[in-house]
Amino acid sequence: MAKRLSGVFAALTTPFAGEKVALDKLGENLLKYNQTGLAGYVVLGSTGEAVFLSDKEGEELVIEARKKAPPSKKIIVGTSRESTRATIEFTNRIAGLGADAALIKPPYYYKSMMTHEVLKRYYFSIADRVGIPVLIYNFPQNTGIPISPPLLVELSGHPNIAGIKDSSGNLSNLAESLPLLPEKFSFFMGHGSILLAGLVMGACGGILAMAAAIPDLCVKLYSLFVEGKNAEAKKLQLDLVPLNKLLTQTLGIPAIKHALDLRGFYGGPPRPPLLPLEEKEKQDVRDELERLGLLSC
């Protein structure tokens, strides 16, 4: 990738109509997202319920996303599989559909065997054999496999490993790694509550679930930082923390989808075994959006 990725990317939800993927609803959402200052989109990520999707469904979602997103909006796709071979094969299929980069988390089923050396070989082998740049996905809360700063620094030396989405919430990962990373390496914050702190420390942007629900305010926070409007940026970041916590930690994917519905996007139901929100939980989401002035009624 000639130019370093930066800015705010929305981690997209996957729309369902009953048990089927609703490609038309994804397209409608993207046409609205295209009107924002988002740098691009992540398809088949954690927010997109990727672990519940078949390869065919995933490929159809990528095709629709690339069709509806202009070239200026970069498409990053989650392509992780448990084996090296399967990850390489799926990543190359996705590359052929127009993805700009692959977001790859570590294999986590055999946790006790995922040593520093095993993970290094996994990522190097993939990066050697895929046709698009690789972004590492560090999400130890879900995978149980942390990408340590020393490992990240080693991985960053590969010419086809272009960055990381760090959803650990641990700012020390950024602080320890950044001075040793190549200049073109993209360090994305994956935790919306500490986006500004990460930017101040040198992160290049955020890949955020919250940006699917409130892209406008996430982009505004990034822009305030870039413009040096520190007091405004600080206030906005603090204002966003309760909503981010509600959507990503307390209630999760169903809440993000409900927020989309409330804001005029299509959220729809989660795919089972996830369950829709209870009425009290729906009200909690509405209350937070109203507090931020994001609902017209």
C-alpha atoms as a PDB file:
ATOM      1  CA  MET A   1       0.000   0.000   0.000  1.00  0.00           C
ATOM      2  CA  ALA A   2       1.710   3.156  -1.246  1.00  0.00           C
ATOM      3  CA  LYS A   3      -0.024   5.524   1.158  1.00  0.00           C
ATOM      4  CA  ARG A   4      -0.557   4.955   4.858  1.00  0.00           C
ATOM      5  CA  LEU A   5      -4.174   4.402   5.854  1.00  0.00           C
ATOM      6  CA  SER A   6      -5.531   6.939   8.314  1.00  0.00           C
ATOM      7  CA  GLY A   7      -8.761   8.514   9.525  1.00  0.00           C
ATOM      8  CA  VAL A   8     -11.944   6.970  10.873  1.00  0.00           C
ATOM      9  CA  PHE A   9     -13.286   3.691   9.495  1.00  0.00           C
ATOM     10  CA  ALA A  10     -16.713   2.351  10.398  1.00  0.00           C
ATOM     11  CA  ALA A  11     -16.860  -1.303  11.409  1.00  0.00           C
ATOM     12  CA  LEU A  12     -20.013  -2.195   9.491  1.00  0.00           C
ATOM     13  CA  THR A  13     -22.863  -4.311  10.751  1.00  0.00           C
ATOM     14  CA  THR A  14     -24.289  -7.100   8.588  1.00  0.00           C
ATOM     15  CA  PRO A  15     -27.982  -6.516   7.834  1.00  0.00           C
ATOM     16  CA  PHE A  16     -30.263  -9.529   8.110  1.00  0.00           C
ATOM     17  CA  ALA A  17     -33.850  -9.972   6.997  1.00  0.00           C
ATOM     18  CA  GLY A  18     -34.931 -12.994   8.943  1.00  0.00           C
ATOM     19  CA  GLU A  19     -32.158 -15.549   8.457  1.00  0.00           C
ATOM     20  CA  LYS A  20     -30.885 -14.084   5.191  1.00  0.00           C
ATOM     21  CA  VAL A  21     -28.250 -11.447   4.554  1.00  0.00           C
ATOM     22  CA  ALA A  22     -29.983  -8.324   3.250  1.00  0.00           C
ATOM     23  CA  LEU A  23     -27.543  -7.014   0.644  1.00  0.00           C
ATOM     24  CA  ASP A  24     -29.945  -4.293  -0.433  1.00  0.00           C
ATOM     25  CA  LYS A  25     -29.969  -2.864   3.095  1.00  0.00           C
ATOM     26  CA  LEU A  26     -26.190  -2.849   3.219  1.00  0.00           C
ATOM     27  CA  GLY A  27     -26.194  -0.912  -0.026  1.00  0.00           C
ATOM     28  CA  GLU A  28     -28.679   1.621   1.336  1.00  0.00           C
ATOM     29  CA  ASN A  29     -26.588   2.098   4.473  1.00  0.00           C
ATOM     30  CA  LEU A  30     -23.437   2.622   2.438  1.00  0.00           C
ATOM     31  CA  LEU A  31     -25.019   5.313   0.295  1.00  0.00           C
ATOM     32  CA  LYS A  32     -25.676   7.220   3.524  1.00  0.00           C
ATOM     33  CA  TYR A  33     -22.218   6.536   4.949  1.00  0.00           C
ATOM     34  CA  ASN A  34     -20.687   7.790   1.699  1.00  0.00           C
ATOM     35  CA  GLN A  35     -22.004  11.267   2.547  1.00  0.00           C
ATOM     36  CA  THR A  36     -19.855  11.388   5.694  1.00  0.00           C
ATOM     37  CA  GLY A  37     -16.155  12.005   6.153  1.00  0.00           C
ATOM     38  CA  LEU A  38     -15.402   8.369   6.930  1.00  0.00           C
ATOM     39  CA  ALA A  39     -12.135   7.169   5.396  1.00  0.00           C
ATOM     40  CA  GLY A  40     -13.683   3.792   4.637  1.00  0.00           C
ATOM     41  CA  TYR A  41     -15.335   0.688   5.960  1.00  0.00           C
ATOM     42  CA  VAL A  42     -14.532  -2.642   7.558  1.00  0.00           C
ATOM     43  CA  VAL A  43     -16.616  -5.530   6.260  1.00  0.00           C
ATOM     44  CA  LEU A  44     -16.685  -8.958   7.978  1.00  0.00           C
ATOM     45  CA  GLY A  45     -15.347  -7.688  11.269  1.00  0.00           C
ATOM     46  CA  SER A  46     -16.521  -8.406  14.795  1.00  0.00           C
ATOM     47  CA  THR A  47     -19.284  -5.805  14.465  1.00  0.00           C
ATOM     48  CA  GLY A  48     -20.369  -7.525  11.258  1.00  0.00           C
ATOM     49  CA  GLU A  49     -20.992 -10.855  13.051  1.00  0.00           C
ATOM     50  CA  ALA A  50     -18.427 -12.380  10.703  1.00  0.00           C
ATOM     51  CA  VAL A  51     -18.129 -15.559  12.765  1.00  0.00           C
ATOM     52  CA  PHE A  52     -21.775 -16.312  11.911  1.00  0.00           C
ATOM     53  CA  LEU A  53     -21.356 -15.924   8.145  1.00  0.00           C
ATOM     54  CA  SER A  54     -20.507 -18.435   5.433  1.00  0.00           C
ATOM     55  CA  ASP A  55     -17.718 -17.694   2.970  1.00  0.00           C
ATOM     56  CA  LYS A  56     -20.310 -17.177   0.241  1.00  0.00           C
ATOM     57  CA  GLU A  57     -22.219 -14.653   2.344  1.00  0.00           C
ATOM     58  CA  GLY A  58     -18.992 -12.864   3.146  1.00  0.00           C
ATOM     59  CA  GLU A  59     -18.007 -12.626  -0.500  1.00  0.00           C
ATOM     60  CA  GLU A  60     -21.428 -11.241  -1.437  1.00  0.00           C
ATOM     61  CA  LEU A  61     -21.127  -8.561   1.250  1.00  0.00           C
ATOM     62  CA  VAL A  62     -17.709  -7.496  -0.026  1.00  0.00           C
ATOM     63  CA  ILE A  63     -18.974  -7.298  -3.607  1.00  0.00           C
ATOM     64  CA  GLU A  64     -21.878  -5.092  -2.518  1.00  0.00           C
ATOM     65  CA  ALA A  65     -19.650  -2.887  -0.378  1.00  0.00           C
ATOM     66  CA  ARG A  66     -17.164  -2.343  -3.191  1.00  0.00           C
ATOM     67  CA  LYS A  67     -19.997  -1.641  -5.628  1.00  0.00           C
ATOM     68  CA  LYS A  68     -21.566   1.020  -3.426  1.00  0.00           C
ATOM     69  CA  ALA A  69     -18.441   2.633  -1.959  1.00  0.00           C
ATOM     70  CA  PRO A  70     -16.553   5.151  -4.112  1.00  0.00           C
ATOM     71  CA  PRO A  71     -12.842   4.544  -4.754  1.00  0.00           C
ATOM     72  CA  SER A  72     -12.010   7.196  -2.162  1.00  0.00           C
ATOM     73  CA  LYS A  73     -13.512   5.011   0.567  1.00  0.00           C
ATOM     74  CA  LYS A  74     -11.161   2.158   1.372  1.00  0.00           C
ATOM     75  CA  ILE A  75     -12.592  -1.298   2.034  1.00  0.00           C
ATOM     76  CA  ILE A  76     -10.891  -3.401   4.717  1.00  0.00           C
ATOM     77  CA  VAL A  77     -12.151  -6.960   5.077  1.00  0.00           C
ATOM     78  CA  GLY A  78     -11.839  -9.411   7.949  1.00  0.00           C
ATOM     79  CA  THR A  79     -10.445 -12.587   6.402  1.00  0.00           C
ATOM     80  CA  SER A  80      -9.250 -14.600   9.400  1.00  0.00           C
ATOM     81  CA  ARG A  81      -9.525 -18.361   9.381  1.00  0.00           C
ATOM     82  CA  GLU A  82      -8.035 -20.774  11.890  1.00  0.00           C
ATOM     83  CA  SER A  83      -5.472 -22.278   9.525  1.00  0.00           C
ATOM     84  CA  THR A  84      -2.792 -20.428   7.622  1.00  0.00           C
ATOM     85  CA  ARG A  85      -3.810 -22.025   4.343  1.00  0.00           C
ATOM     86  CA  ALA A  86      -7.510 -21.200   4.690  1.00  0.00           C
ATOM     87  CA  THR A  87      -6.709 -17.602   5.617  1.00  0.00           C
ATOM     88  CA  ILE A  88      -4.489 -17.190   2.572  1.00  0.00           C
ATOM     89  CA  GLU A  89      -7.084 -18.703   0.247  1.00  0.00           C
ATOM     90  CA  PHE A  90      -9.967 -16.617   1.568  1.00  0.00           C
ATOM     91  CA  THR A  91      -7.902 -13.430   1.641  1.00  0.00           C
ATOM     92  CA  ASN A  92      -6.917 -13.844  -2.002  1.00  0.00           C
ATOM     93  CA  ARG A  93     -10.524 -14.448  -3.009  1.00  0.00           C
ATOM     94  CA  ILE A  94     -11.505 -11.273  -1.193  1.00  0.00           C
ATOM     95  CA  ALA A  95      -8.628  -9.379  -2.813  1.00  0.00           C
ATOM     96  CA  GLY A  96     -10.046 -10.339  -6.186  1.00  0.00           C
ATOM     97  CA  LEU A  97     -13.355  -8.743  -5.208  1.00  0.00           C
ATOM     98  CA  GLY A  98     -11.832  -5.325  -4.679  1.00  0.00           C
ATOM     99  CA  ALA A  99     -10.793  -5.204  -1.023  1.00  0.00           C
ATOM    100  CA  ASP A 100      -8.002  -2.742  -0.256  1.00  0.00           C
ATOM    101  CA  ALA A 101      -6.638  -4.560   2.802  1.00  0.00           C
ATOM    102  CA  ALA A 102      -7.262  -7.602   4.986  1.00  0.00           C
ATOM    103  CA  LEU A 103      -7.855  -7.447   8.743  1.00  0.00           C
ATOM    104  CA  ILE A 104      -6.553 -10.658  10.297  1.00  0.00           C
ATOM    105  CA  LYS A 105      -6.844 -11.745  13.910  1.00  0.00           C
ATOM    106  CA  PRO A 106      -4.643 -14.516  15.316  1.00  0.00           C
ATOM    107  CA  PRO A 107      -5.918 -18.103  15.296  1.00  0.00           C
ATOM    108  CA  TYR A 108      -7.232 -18.767  18.779  1.00  0.00           C
ATOM    109  CA  TYR A 109      -8.680 -22.262  19.104  1.00  0.00           C
ATOM    110  CA  TYR A 110      -5.358 -23.820  20.171  1.00  0.00           C
ATOM    111  CA  LYS A 111      -4.516 -20.971  22.517  1.00  0.00           C
ATOM    112  CA  SER A 112      -1.779 -22.671  24.487  1.00  0.00           C
ATOM    113  CA  MET A 113       0.204 -23.317  21.307  1.00  0.00           C
ATOM    114  CA  MET A 114       0.018 -19.788  19.923  1.00  0.00           C
ATOM    115  CA  THR A 115       3.532 -18.766  20.935  1.00  0.00           C
ATOM    116  CA  HIS A 116       5.410 -15.694  19.751  1.00  0.00           C
ATOM    117  CA  GLU A 117       7.153 -17.756  17.063  1.00  0.00           C
ATOM    118  CA  VAL A 118       3.972 -19.490  15.872  1.00  0.00           C
ATOM    119  CA  LEU A 119       2.159 -16.176  15.517  1.00  0.00           C
ATOM    120  CA  LYS A 120       5.095 -14.588  13.717  1.00  0.00           C
ATOM    121  CA  ARG A 121       5.216 -17.428  11.192  1.00  0.00           C
ATOM    122  CA  TYR A 122       1.432 -17.283  10.772  1.00  0.00           C
ATOM    123  CA  TYR A 123       1.419 -13.604   9.863  1.00  0.00           C
ATOM    124  CA  PHE A 124       4.596 -13.717   7.779  1.00  0.00           C
ATOM    125  CA  SER A 125       3.345 -16.708   5.794  1.00  0.00           C
ATOM    126  CA  ILE A 126       0.069 -14.939   5.044  1.00  0.00           C
ATOM    127  CA  ALA A 127       1.706 -11.620   4.191  1.00  0.00           C
ATOM    128  CA  ASP A 128       4.084 -13.394   1.799  1.00  0.00           C
ATOM    129  CA  ARG A 129       1.270 -15.000  -0.160  1.00  0.00           C
ATOM    130  CA  VAL A 130      -1.667 -12.603  -0.335  1.00  0.00           C
ATOM    131  CA  GLY A 131      -2.301  -9.879  -2.875  1.00  0.00           C
ATOM    132  CA  ILE A 132      -3.390  -7.086  -0.533  1.00  0.00           C
ATOM    133  CA  PRO A 133      -1.822  -5.494   2.557  1.00  0.00           C
ATOM    134  CA  VAL A 134      -2.433  -7.109   5.924  1.00  0.00           C
ATOM    135  CA  LEU A 135      -3.643  -5.339   9.045  1.00  0.00           C
ATOM    136  CA  ILE A 136      -3.229  -7.229  12.315  1.00  0.00           C
ATOM    137  CA  TYR A 137      -6.313  -7.401  14.518  1.00  0.00           C
ATOM    138  CA  ASN A 138      -5.508  -7.385  18.223  1.00  0.00           C
ATOM    139  CA  PHE A 139      -8.657  -8.207  20.205  1.00  0.00           C
ATOM    140  CA  PRO A 140      -7.553 -10.339  23.163  1.00  0.00           C
ATOM    141  CA  GLN A 141     -10.894  -9.958  24.970  1.00  0.00           C
ATOM    142  CA  ASN A 142     -12.429 -12.159  22.273  1.00  0.00           C
ATOM    143  CA  THR A 143      -9.513 -14.229  20.992  1.00  0.00           C
ATOM    144  CA  GLY A 144      -7.604 -14.737  24.233  1.00  0.00           C
ATOM    145  CA  ILE A 145      -4.414 -14.179  22.200  1.00  0.00           C
ATOM    146  CA  PRO A 146      -2.727 -10.791  22.713  1.00  0.00           C
ATOM    147  CA  ILE A 147      -0.373  -9.342  20.116  1.00  0.00           C
ATOM    148  CA  SER A 148       2.456  -8.102  22.313  1.00  0.00           C
ATOM    149  CA  PRO A 149       4.409  -4.942  21.436  1.00  0.00           C
ATOM    150  CA  PRO A 150       7.627  -6.921  20.747  1.00  0.00           C
ATOM    151  CA  LEU A 151       5.738  -9.217  18.365  1.00  0.00           C
ATOM    152  CA  LEU A 152       4.068  -6.259  16.659  1.00  0.00           C
ATOM    153  CA  VAL A 153       7.406  -4.569  16.103  1.00  0.00           C
ATOM    154  CA  GLU A 154       8.775  -7.725  14.475  1.00  0.00           C
ATOM    155  CA  LEU A 155       5.698  -8.125  12.289  1.00  0.00           C
ATOM    156  CA  SER A 156       5.826  -4.479  11.198  1.00  0.00           C
ATOM    157  CA  GLY A 157       9.111  -5.195   9.433  1.00  0.00           C
ATOM    158  CA  HIS A 158       7.322  -7.229   6.758  1.00  0.00           C
ATOM    159  CA  PRO A 159       6.653  -5.027   3.697  1.00  0.00           C
ATOM    160  CA  ASN A 160       3.108  -6.361   3.312  1.00  0.00           C
ATOM    161  CA  ILE A 161       2.042  -5.919   6.940  1.00  0.00           C
ATOM    162  CA  ALA A 162       0.689  -2.381   6.854  1.00  0.00           C
ATOM    163  CA  GLY A 163      -0.857  -1.791  10.254  1.00  0.00           C
ATOM    164  CA  ILE A 164      -2.861  -2.905  13.253  1.00  0.00           C
ATOM    165  CA  LYS A 165      -6.303  -2.413  14.709  1.00  0.00           C
ATOM    166  CA  ASP A 166      -5.758  -2.537  18.459  1.00  0.00           C
ATOM    167  CA  SER A 167      -9.029  -3.191  20.282  1.00  0.00           C
ATOM    168  CA  SER A 168      -7.351  -4.162  23.540  1.00  0.00           C
ATOM    169  CA  GLY A 169      -8.096  -0.820  25.185  1.00  0.00           C
ATOM    170  CA  ASN A 170      -4.530  -0.847  26.508  1.00  0.00           C
ATOM    171  CA  LEU A 171      -2.749   2.375  25.602  1.00  0.00           C
ATOM    172  CA  SER A 172       0.596   0.949  26.661  1.00  0.00           C
ATOM    173  CA  ASN A 173       0.544  -1.189  23.491  1.00  0.00           C
ATOM    174  CA  LEU A 174       0.671   2.010  21.455  1.00  0.00           C
ATOM    175  CA  ALA A 175       3.194   3.713  23.723  1.00  0.00           C
ATOM    176  CA  GLU A 176       5.601   0.757  23.679  1.00  0.00           C
ATOM    177  CA  SER A 177       5.282  -0.012  19.981  1.00  0.00           C
ATOM    178  CA  LEU A 178       5.019   3.299  18.166  1.00  0.00           C
ATOM    179  CA  PRO A 179       8.623   4.532  18.565  1.00  0.00           C
ATOM    180  CA  LEU A 180       9.826   1.300  16.933  1.00  0.00           C
ATOM    181  CA  LEU A 181       7.315   1.028  14.087  1.00  0.00           C
ATOM    182  CA  PRO A 182       7.985   2.070  10.475  1.00  0.00           C
ATOM    183  CA  GLU A 183       6.739   5.524   9.554  1.00  0.00           C
ATOM    184  CA  LYS A 184       4.174   4.149   7.079  1.00  0.00           C
ATOM    185  CA  PHE A 185       2.738   1.652   9.574  1.00  0.00           C
ATOM    186  CA  SER A 186      -0.896   2.421  10.464  1.00  0.00           C
ATOM    187  CA  PHE A 187      -1.787   2.085  14.143  1.00  0.00           C
ATOM    188  CA  PHE A 188      -5.582   2.232  14.464  1.00  0.00           C
ATOM    189  CA  MET A 189      -7.415   2.498  17.746  1.00  0.00           C
ATOM    190  CA  GLY A 190     -10.226  -0.028  17.976  1.00  0.00           C
ATOM    191  CA  HIS A 191     -11.734   1.276  21.207  1.00  0.00           C
ATOM    192  CA  GLY A 192     -13.898   4.370  20.792  1.00  0.00           C
ATOM    193  CA  SER A 193     -13.554   5.569  24.361  1.00  0.00           C
ATOM    194  CA  ILE A 194      -9.822   6.187  23.983  1.00  0.00           C
ATOM    195  CA  LEU A 195      -9.669   7.357  20.365  1.00  0.00           C
ATOM    196  CA  LEU A 196      -8.497  10.852  21.299  1.00  0.00           C
ATOM    197  CA  ALA A 197      -5.879   9.569  23.733  1.00  0.00           C
ATOM    198  CA  GLY A 198      -4.539   7.303  21.011  1.00  0.00           C
ATOM    199  CA  LEU A 199      -4.431  10.134  18.479  1.00  0.00           C
ATOM    200  CA  VAL A 200      -2.546  12.354  20.922  1.00  0.00           C
ATOM    201  CA  MET A 201       0.011   9.569  21.369  1.00  0.00           C
ATOM    202  CA  GLY A 202       0.462   9.081  17.643  1.00  0.00           C
ATOM    203  CA  ALA A 203      -2.222   6.703  16.359  1.00  0.00           C
ATOM    204  CA  CYS A 204      -3.327   7.350  12.774  1.00  0.00           C
ATOM    205  CA  GLY A 205      -7.072   6.980  13.358  1.00  0.00           C
ATOM    206  CA  GLY A 206      -9.738   4.566  14.515  1.00  0.00           C
ATOM    207  CA  ILE A 207     -11.611   1.522  13.260  1.00  0.00           C
ATOM    208  CA  LEU A 208     -14.696   1.780  15.397  1.00  0.00           C
ATOM    209  CA  ALA A 209     -17.972  -0.043  15.966  1.00  0.00           C
ATOM    210  CA  MET A 210     -19.361   3.226  17.312  1.00  0.00           C
ATOM    211  CA  ALA A 211     -18.675   4.831  13.930  1.00  0.00           C
ATOM    212  CA  ALA A 212     -21.299   2.566  12.370  1.00  0.00           C
ATOM    213  CA  ALA A 213     -23.942   4.188  14.572  1.00  0.00           C
ATOM    214  CA  ILE A 214     -22.609   7.744  14.841  1.00  0.00           C
ATOM    215  CA  PRO A 215     -20.155   8.266  11.962  1.00  0.00           C
ATOM    216  CA  ASP A 216     -20.669  12.024  12.039  1.00  0.00           C
ATOM    217  CA  LEU A 217     -19.466  12.502  15.613  1.00  0.00           C
ATOM    218  CA  CYS A 218     -16.585  10.035  15.270  1.00  0.00           C
ATOM    219  CA  VAL A 219     -15.341  11.909  12.202  1.00  0.00           C
ATOM    220  CA  LYS A 220     -15.839  15.212  14.018  1.00  0.00           C
ATOM    221  CA  LEU A 221     -13.674  14.021  16.913  1.00  0.00           C
ATOM    222  CA  TYR A 222     -10.893  13.063  14.524  1.00  0.00           C
ATOM    223  CA  SER A 223     -11.204  16.366  12.661  1.00  0.00           C
ATOM    224  CA  LEU A 224     -11.094  18.420  15.873  1.00  0.00           C
ATOM    225  CA  PHE A 225      -7.855  16.678  16.795  1.00  0.00           C
ATOM    226  CA  VAL A 226      -6.315  17.267  13.363  1.00  0.00           C
ATOM    227  CA  GLU A 227      -7.325  20.947  13.520  1.00  0.00           C
ATOM    228  CA  GLY A 228      -5.725  21.331  16.946  1.00  0.00           C
ATOM    229  CA  LYS A 229      -9.012  22.169  18.672  1.00  0.00           C
ATOM    230  CA  ASN A 230      -7.997  20.324  21.795  1.00  0.00           C
ATOM    231  CA  ALA A 231     -10.599  21.555  24.263  1.00  0.00           C
ATOM    232  CA  GLU A 232     -13.480  20.763  21.895  1.00  0.00           C
ATOM    233  CA  ALA A 233     -11.998  17.372  21.090  1.00  0.00           C
ATOM    234  CA  LYS A 234     -11.625  16.536  24.769  1.00  0.00           C
ATOM    235  CA  LYS A 235     -15.221  17.494  25.526  1.00  0.00           C
ATOM    236  CA  LEU A 236     -16.581  15.461  22.619  1.00  0.00           C
ATOM    237  CA  GLN A 237     -14.514  12.408  23.552  1.00  0.00           C
ATOM    238  CA  LEU A 238     -15.809  12.496  27.111  1.00  0.00           C
ATOM    239  CA  ASP A 239     -19.367  12.944  25.833  1.00  0.00           C
ATOM    240  CA  LEU A 240     -19.039   9.819  23.660  1.00  0.00           C
ATOM    241  CA  VAL A 241     -17.701   7.480  26.345  1.00  0.00           C
ATOM    242  CA  PRO A 242     -21.078   6.449  27.852  1.00  0.00           C
ATOM    243  CA  LEU A 243     -22.566   5.626  24.451  1.00  0.00           C
ATOM    244  CA  ASN A 244     -19.487   3.696  23.355  1.00  0.00           C
ATOM    245  CA  LYS A 245     -19.530   1.675  26.563  1.00  0.00           C
ATOM    246  CA  LEU A 246     -23.232   0.900  26.162  1.00  0.00           C
ATOM    247  CA  LEU A 247     -22.897  -0.164  22.524  1.00  0.00           C
ATOM    248  CA  THR A 248     -19.654  -2.109  22.644  1.00  0.00           C
ATOM    249  CA  GLN A 249     -19.284  -3.425  26.175  1.00  0.00           C
ATOM    250  CA  THR A 250     -22.656  -3.557  27.925  1.00  0.00           C
ATOM    251  CA  LEU A 251     -25.147  -4.483  25.184  1.00  0.00           C
ATOM    252  CA  GLY A 252     -23.048  -5.251  22.106  1.00  0.00           C
ATOM    253  CA  ILE A 253     -24.077  -5.920  18.501  1.00  0.00           C
ATOM    254  CA  PRO A 254     -27.872  -5.820  19.055  1.00  0.00           C
ATOM    255  CA  ALA A 255     -27.507  -2.337  20.556  1.00  0.00           C
ATOM    256  CA  ILE A 256     -25.415  -1.079  17.652  1.00  0.00           C
ATOM    257  CA  LYS A 257     -28.074  -2.351  15.268  1.00  0.00           C
ATOM    258  CA  HIS A 258     -30.846  -0.720  17.268  1.00  0.00           C
ATOM    259  CA  ALA A 259     -28.948   2.567  17.229  1.00  0.00           C
ATOM    260  CA  LEU A 260     -28.769   2.287  13.444  1.00  0.00           C
ATOM    261  CA  ASP A 261     -32.535   1.791  13.271  1.00  0.00           C
ATOM    262  CA  LEU A 262     -33.116   4.845  15.445  1.00  0.00           C
ATOM    263  CA  ARG A 263     -30.834   6.975  13.299  1.00  0.00           C
ATOM    264  CA  GLY A 264     -32.438   6.155   9.955  1.00  0.00           C
ATOM    265  CA  PHE A 265     -30.062   3.424   8.843  1.00  0.00           C
ATOM    266  CA  TYR A 266     -31.026  -0.239   8.656  1.00  0.00           C
ATOM    267  CA  GLY A 267     -29.919  -2.176  11.717  1.00  0.00           C
ATOM    268  CA  GLY A 268     -32.363  -5.019  11.918  1.00  0.00           C
ATOM    269  CA  PRO A 269     -31.984  -8.138  14.039  1.00  0.00           C
ATOM    270  CA  PRO A 270     -28.765  -9.877  15.013  1.00  0.00           C
ATOM    271  CA  ARG A 271     -28.199 -13.405  13.784  1.00  0.00           C
ATOM    272  CA  PRO A 272     -28.944 -16.119  16.395  1.00  0.00           C
ATOM    273  CA  PRO A 273     -27.699 -17.092  18.868  1.00  0.00           C
ATOM    274  CA  LEU A 274     -27.531 -13.337  19.560  1.00  0.00           C
ATOM    275  CA  LEU A 275     -30.863 -11.941  20.715  1.00  0.00           C
ATOM    276  CA  PRO A 276     -32.576  -8.608  20.064  1.00  0.00           C
ATOM    277  CA  LEU A 277     -32.649  -6.066  22.873  1.00  0.00           C
ATOM    278  CA  GLU A 278     -35.276  -6.027  25.580  1.00  0.00           C
ATOM    279  CA  GLU A 279     -37.471  -2.926  25.749  1.00  0.00           C
ATOM    280  CA  LYS A 280     -35.542  -1.445  28.675  1.00  0.00           C
ATOM    281  CA  GLU A 281     -32.287  -1.878  26.770  1.00  0.00           C
ATOM    282  CA  LYS A 282     -33.788  -0.212  23.689  1.00  0.00           C
ATOM    283  CA  GLN A 283     -34.733   2.743  25.836  1.00  0.00           C
ATOM    284  CA  ASP A 284     -31.212   2.954  27.222  1.00  0.00           C
ATOM    285  CA  VAL A 285     -29.848   3.245  23.686  1.00  0.00           C
ATOM    286  CA  ARG A 286     -32.434   5.869  22.788  1.00  0.00           C
ATOM    287  CA  ASP A 287     -31.629   7.867  25.914  1.00  0.00           C
ATOM    288  CA  GLU A 288     -27.929   8.011  25.066  1.00  0.00           C
ATOM    289  CA  LEU A 289     -28.571   9.075  21.487  1.00  0.00           C
ATOM    290  CA  GLU A 290     -30.975  11.754  22.692  1.00  0.00           C
ATOM    291  CA  ARG A 291     -28.425  12.998  25.218  1.00  0.00           C
ATOM    292  CA  LEU A 292     -26.030  13.566  22.324  1.00  0.00           C
ATOM    293  CA  GLY A 293     -28.699  15.347  20.271  1.00  0.00           C
ATOM    294  CA  LEU A 294     -28.684  12.664  17.585  1.00  0.00           C
ATOM    295  CA  LEU A 295     -32.415  11.972  17.368  1.00  0.00           C
ATOM    296  CA  SER A 296     -34.823  14.414  15.815  1.00  0.00           C
ATOM    297  CA  CYS A 297     -37.758  13.195  17.897  1.00  0.00           C
END
